[in-house]
Amino acid sequence: MAQAQTGSSQGTFPVDNNTYNLIQMTAAKLESIEVYQKYQKDADQQTRGLIDQMMQQDRQHAEALVQALSQKLGGR
């Protein structure tokens, strides 16, 4: 695997900045889903509905990010 060059004097990294950002965004979405599941236990019915909507949107975002990351890494 080729190493990504950086503009700094710190050397090279195993992934470029864009790939790193995709990884971080995916992790953030997955962590959000986990937190929502915990919040759901204490939520009233109205709040559960809101949490369900948010979890569904974050799942869709996470799936899109995983797909983008897969395409990015598959192209190497």
N, C-alpha and C. Protein backbone atom coordinates (compact mmCIF):
# COMPACT_ATOMS: atom_id res chain seq x y z
N MET A 1 0.85 -1.17 0.00
CA MET A 1 0.00 0.00 0.00
C MET A 1 0.90 1.24 0.00
N ALA A 2 0.60 2.18 -0.86
CA ALA A 2 1.37 3.41 -0.91
C ALA A 2 1.02 4.30 0.27
N GLN A 3 2.05 4.99 0.76
CA GLN A 3 1.80 5.90 1.86
C GLN A 3 1.46 7.28 1.33
N ALA A 4 0.55 7.95 2.01
CA ALA A 4 0.13 9.28 1.59
C ALA A 4 1.15 10.30 2.07
N GLN A 5 1.51 11.20 1.20
CA GLN A 5 2.43 12.27 1.55
C GLN A 5 1.67 13.39 2.25
N THR A 6 2.32 14.05 3.17
CA THR A 6 1.71 15.21 3.83
C THR A 6 2.52 16.43 3.49
N GLY A 7 1.93 17.58 3.72
CA GLY A 7 2.62 18.83 3.46
C GLY A 7 3.52 19.26 4.61
N SER A 8 3.51 18.52 5.69
CA SER A 8 4.31 18.91 6.85
C SER A 8 5.62 18.14 6.87
N SER A 9 6.44 18.49 7.81
CA SER A 9 7.74 17.81 7.95
C SER A 9 7.62 16.58 8.83
N GLN A 10 6.40 16.17 9.17
CA GLN A 10 6.20 15.04 10.06
C GLN A 10 6.33 13.70 9.35
N GLY A 11 6.45 13.68 8.05
CA GLY A 11 6.63 12.43 7.34
C GLY A 11 5.40 11.99 6.59
N THR A 12 5.26 10.68 6.44
CA THR A 12 4.15 10.11 5.68
C THR A 12 3.22 9.35 6.61
N PHE A 13 1.99 9.19 6.15
CA PHE A 13 0.98 8.47 6.91
C PHE A 13 0.42 7.37 6.02
N PRO A 14 -0.15 6.32 6.63
CA PRO A 14 -0.65 5.20 5.83
C PRO A 14 -1.88 5.53 4.98
N VAL A 15 -2.61 6.59 5.33
CA VAL A 15 -3.78 6.99 4.53
C VAL A 15 -3.74 8.50 4.31
N ASP A 16 -4.37 8.92 3.23
CA ASP A 16 -4.44 10.35 2.95
C ASP A 16 -5.49 11.00 3.86
N ASN A 17 -5.52 12.31 3.89
CA ASN A 17 -6.40 13.05 4.77
C ASN A 17 -7.88 12.76 4.49
N ASN A 18 -8.26 12.65 3.23
CA ASN A 18 -9.64 12.37 2.88
C ASN A 18 -10.09 11.01 3.42
N THR A 19 -9.24 9.99 3.28
CA THR A 19 -9.57 8.66 3.80
C THR A 19 -9.68 8.70 5.31
N TYR A 20 -8.77 9.38 5.95
CA TYR A 20 -8.82 9.53 7.41
C TYR A 20 -10.14 10.18 7.83
N ASN A 21 -10.54 11.23 7.12
CA ASN A 21 -11.80 11.91 7.44
C ASN A 21 -13.00 10.98 7.29
N LEU A 22 -13.01 10.17 6.25
CA LEU A 22 -14.09 9.20 6.07
C LEU A 22 -14.14 8.21 7.23
N ILE A 23 -12.99 7.75 7.67
CA ILE A 23 -12.92 6.83 8.81
C ILE A 23 -13.47 7.50 10.06
N GLN A 24 -13.05 8.72 10.32
CA GLN A 24 -13.49 9.44 11.52
C GLN A 24 -15.00 9.72 11.49
N MET A 25 -15.51 10.12 10.32
CA MET A 25 -16.95 10.39 10.21
C MET A 25 -17.76 9.11 10.43
N THR A 26 -17.28 8.00 9.90
CA THR A 26 -17.96 6.72 10.09
C THR A 26 -17.99 6.35 11.56
N ALA A 27 -16.86 6.48 12.22
CA ALA A 27 -16.78 6.17 13.66
C ALA A 27 -17.73 7.05 14.46
N ALA A 28 -17.81 8.32 14.12
CA ALA A 28 -18.70 9.25 14.84
C ALA A 28 -20.16 8.84 14.67
N LYS A 29 -20.56 8.47 13.47
CA LYS A 29 -21.94 8.04 13.24
C LYS A 29 -22.25 6.76 14.01
N LEU A 30 -21.33 5.81 14.00
CA LEU A 30 -21.55 4.55 14.71
C LEU A 30 -21.63 4.78 16.22
N GLU A 31 -20.81 5.68 16.73
CA GLU A 31 -20.87 6.01 18.16
C GLU A 31 -22.19 6.68 18.50
N SER A 32 -22.69 7.53 17.62
CA SER A 32 -23.97 8.20 17.85
C SER A 32 -25.10 7.18 17.94
N ILE A 33 -25.10 6.21 17.06
CA ILE A 33 -26.13 5.17 17.08
C ILE A 33 -26.10 4.43 18.41
N GLU A 34 -24.91 4.11 18.87
CA GLU A 34 -24.77 3.41 20.16
C GLU A 34 -25.32 4.25 21.31
N VAL A 35 -25.02 5.53 21.30
CA VAL A 35 -25.51 6.43 22.35
C VAL A 35 -27.03 6.55 22.30
N TYR A 36 -27.59 6.68 21.10
CA TYR A 36 -29.04 6.77 20.96
C TYR A 36 -29.74 5.55 21.57
N GLN A 37 -29.14 4.39 21.36
CA GLN A 37 -29.73 3.16 21.90
C GLN A 37 -29.77 3.22 23.44
N LYS A 38 -28.77 3.80 24.03
CA LYS A 38 -28.74 3.95 25.49
C LYS A 38 -29.78 4.97 25.95
N TYR A 39 -29.90 6.08 25.24
CA TYR A 39 -30.87 7.12 25.60
C TYR A 39 -32.30 6.62 25.47
N GLN A 40 -32.52 5.73 24.50
CA GLN A 40 -33.87 5.23 24.25
C GLN A 40 -34.45 4.54 25.48
N LYS A 41 -33.62 3.92 26.28
CA LYS A 41 -34.08 3.18 27.46
C LYS A 41 -34.78 4.09 28.46
N ASP A 42 -34.34 5.33 28.55
CA ASP A 42 -34.90 6.28 29.53
C ASP A 42 -35.90 7.25 28.93
N ALA A 43 -36.13 7.17 27.64
CA ALA A 43 -36.95 8.17 26.94
C ALA A 43 -38.44 7.87 27.05
N ASP A 44 -39.24 8.94 27.04
CA ASP A 44 -40.68 8.76 26.94
C ASP A 44 -41.03 8.46 25.48
N GLN A 45 -42.30 8.20 25.23
CA GLN A 45 -42.72 7.77 23.89
C GLN A 45 -42.41 8.81 22.82
N GLN A 46 -42.67 10.08 23.11
CA GLN A 46 -42.40 11.13 22.13
C GLN A 46 -40.91 11.22 21.82
N THR A 47 -40.11 11.17 22.86
CA THR A 47 -38.66 11.25 22.66
C THR A 47 -38.14 10.02 21.94
N ARG A 48 -38.71 8.85 22.22
CA ARG A 48 -38.30 7.63 21.51
C ARG A 48 -38.51 7.77 20.01
N GLY A 49 -39.64 8.40 19.64
CA GLY A 49 -39.90 8.61 18.22
C GLY A 49 -38.83 9.48 17.58
N LEU A 50 -38.43 10.52 18.28
CA LEU A 50 -37.36 11.40 17.77
C LEU A 50 -36.04 10.64 17.68
N ILE A 51 -35.74 9.87 18.72
CA ILE A 51 -34.49 9.10 18.72
C ILE A 51 -34.50 8.08 17.57
N ASP A 52 -35.65 7.45 17.35
CA ASP A 52 -35.74 6.49 16.24
C ASP A 52 -35.43 7.16 14.90
N GLN A 53 -35.99 8.35 14.70
CA GLN A 53 -35.72 9.09 13.46
C GLN A 53 -34.23 9.40 13.32
N MET A 54 -33.65 9.86 14.40
CA MET A 54 -32.23 10.23 14.37
C MET A 54 -31.35 9.01 14.12
N MET A 55 -31.70 7.89 14.77
CA MET A 55 -30.93 6.66 14.55
C MET A 55 -31.03 6.21 13.10
N GLN A 56 -32.22 6.28 12.53
CA GLN A 56 -32.41 5.87 11.14
C GLN A 56 -31.57 6.74 10.20
N GLN A 57 -31.59 8.04 10.43
CA GLN A 57 -30.79 8.94 9.59
C GLN A 57 -29.30 8.65 9.75
N ASP A 58 -28.86 8.45 10.98
CA ASP A 58 -27.44 8.16 11.20
C ASP A 58 -27.05 6.81 10.61
N ARG A 59 -27.95 5.83 10.64
CA ARG A 59 -27.67 4.54 9.99
C ARG A 59 -27.47 4.74 8.49
N GLN A 60 -28.34 5.55 7.88
CA GLN A 60 -28.21 5.81 6.44
C GLN A 60 -26.88 6.52 6.16
N HIS A 61 -26.55 7.49 6.99
CA HIS A 61 -25.28 8.20 6.82
C HIS A 61 -24.10 7.25 6.98
N ALA A 62 -24.16 6.40 8.01
CA ALA A 62 -23.07 5.44 8.25
C ALA A 62 -22.92 4.49 7.07
N GLU A 63 -24.04 4.01 6.53
CA GLU A 63 -23.98 3.11 5.37
C GLU A 63 -23.35 3.81 4.17
N ALA A 64 -23.71 5.07 3.94
CA ALA A 64 -23.13 5.82 2.83
C ALA A 64 -21.63 6.03 3.03
N LEU A 65 -21.24 6.31 4.27
CA LEU A 65 -19.82 6.51 4.57
C LEU A 65 -19.03 5.21 4.41
N VAL A 66 -19.60 4.10 4.85
CA VAL A 66 -18.94 2.80 4.69
C VAL A 66 -18.76 2.48 3.21
N GLN A 67 -19.79 2.77 2.42
CA GLN A 67 -19.70 2.54 0.98
C GLN A 67 -18.61 3.41 0.35
N ALA A 68 -18.57 4.69 0.72
CA ALA A 68 -17.54 5.59 0.19
C ALA A 68 -16.15 5.14 0.61
N LEU A 69 -16.03 4.71 1.84
CA LEU A 69 -14.74 4.24 2.34
C LEU A 69 -14.32 2.96 1.63
N SER A 70 -15.26 2.07 1.42
CA SER A 70 -14.97 0.84 0.71
C SER A 70 -14.50 1.11 -0.71
N GLN A 71 -15.17 2.04 -1.39
CA GLN A 71 -14.76 2.41 -2.75
C GLN A 71 -13.37 3.06 -2.74
N LYS A 72 -13.14 3.91 -1.76
CA LYS A 72 -11.85 4.59 -1.65
C LYS A 72 -10.72 3.59 -1.44
N LEU A 73 -10.93 2.66 -0.52
CA LEU A 73 -9.89 1.67 -0.22
C LEU A 73 -9.79 0.60 -1.28
N GLY A 74 -10.89 0.31 -1.96
CA GLY A 74 -10.88 -0.68 -3.02
C GLY A 74 -10.11 -0.22 -4.24
N GLY A 75 -9.98 1.09 -4.38
CA GLY A 75 -9.28 1.66 -5.52
C GLY A 75 -7.78 1.68 -5.36
N ARG A 76 -7.29 1.20 -4.25
CA ARG A 76 -5.85 1.23 -3.99
C ARG A 76 -5.15 0.08 -4.65
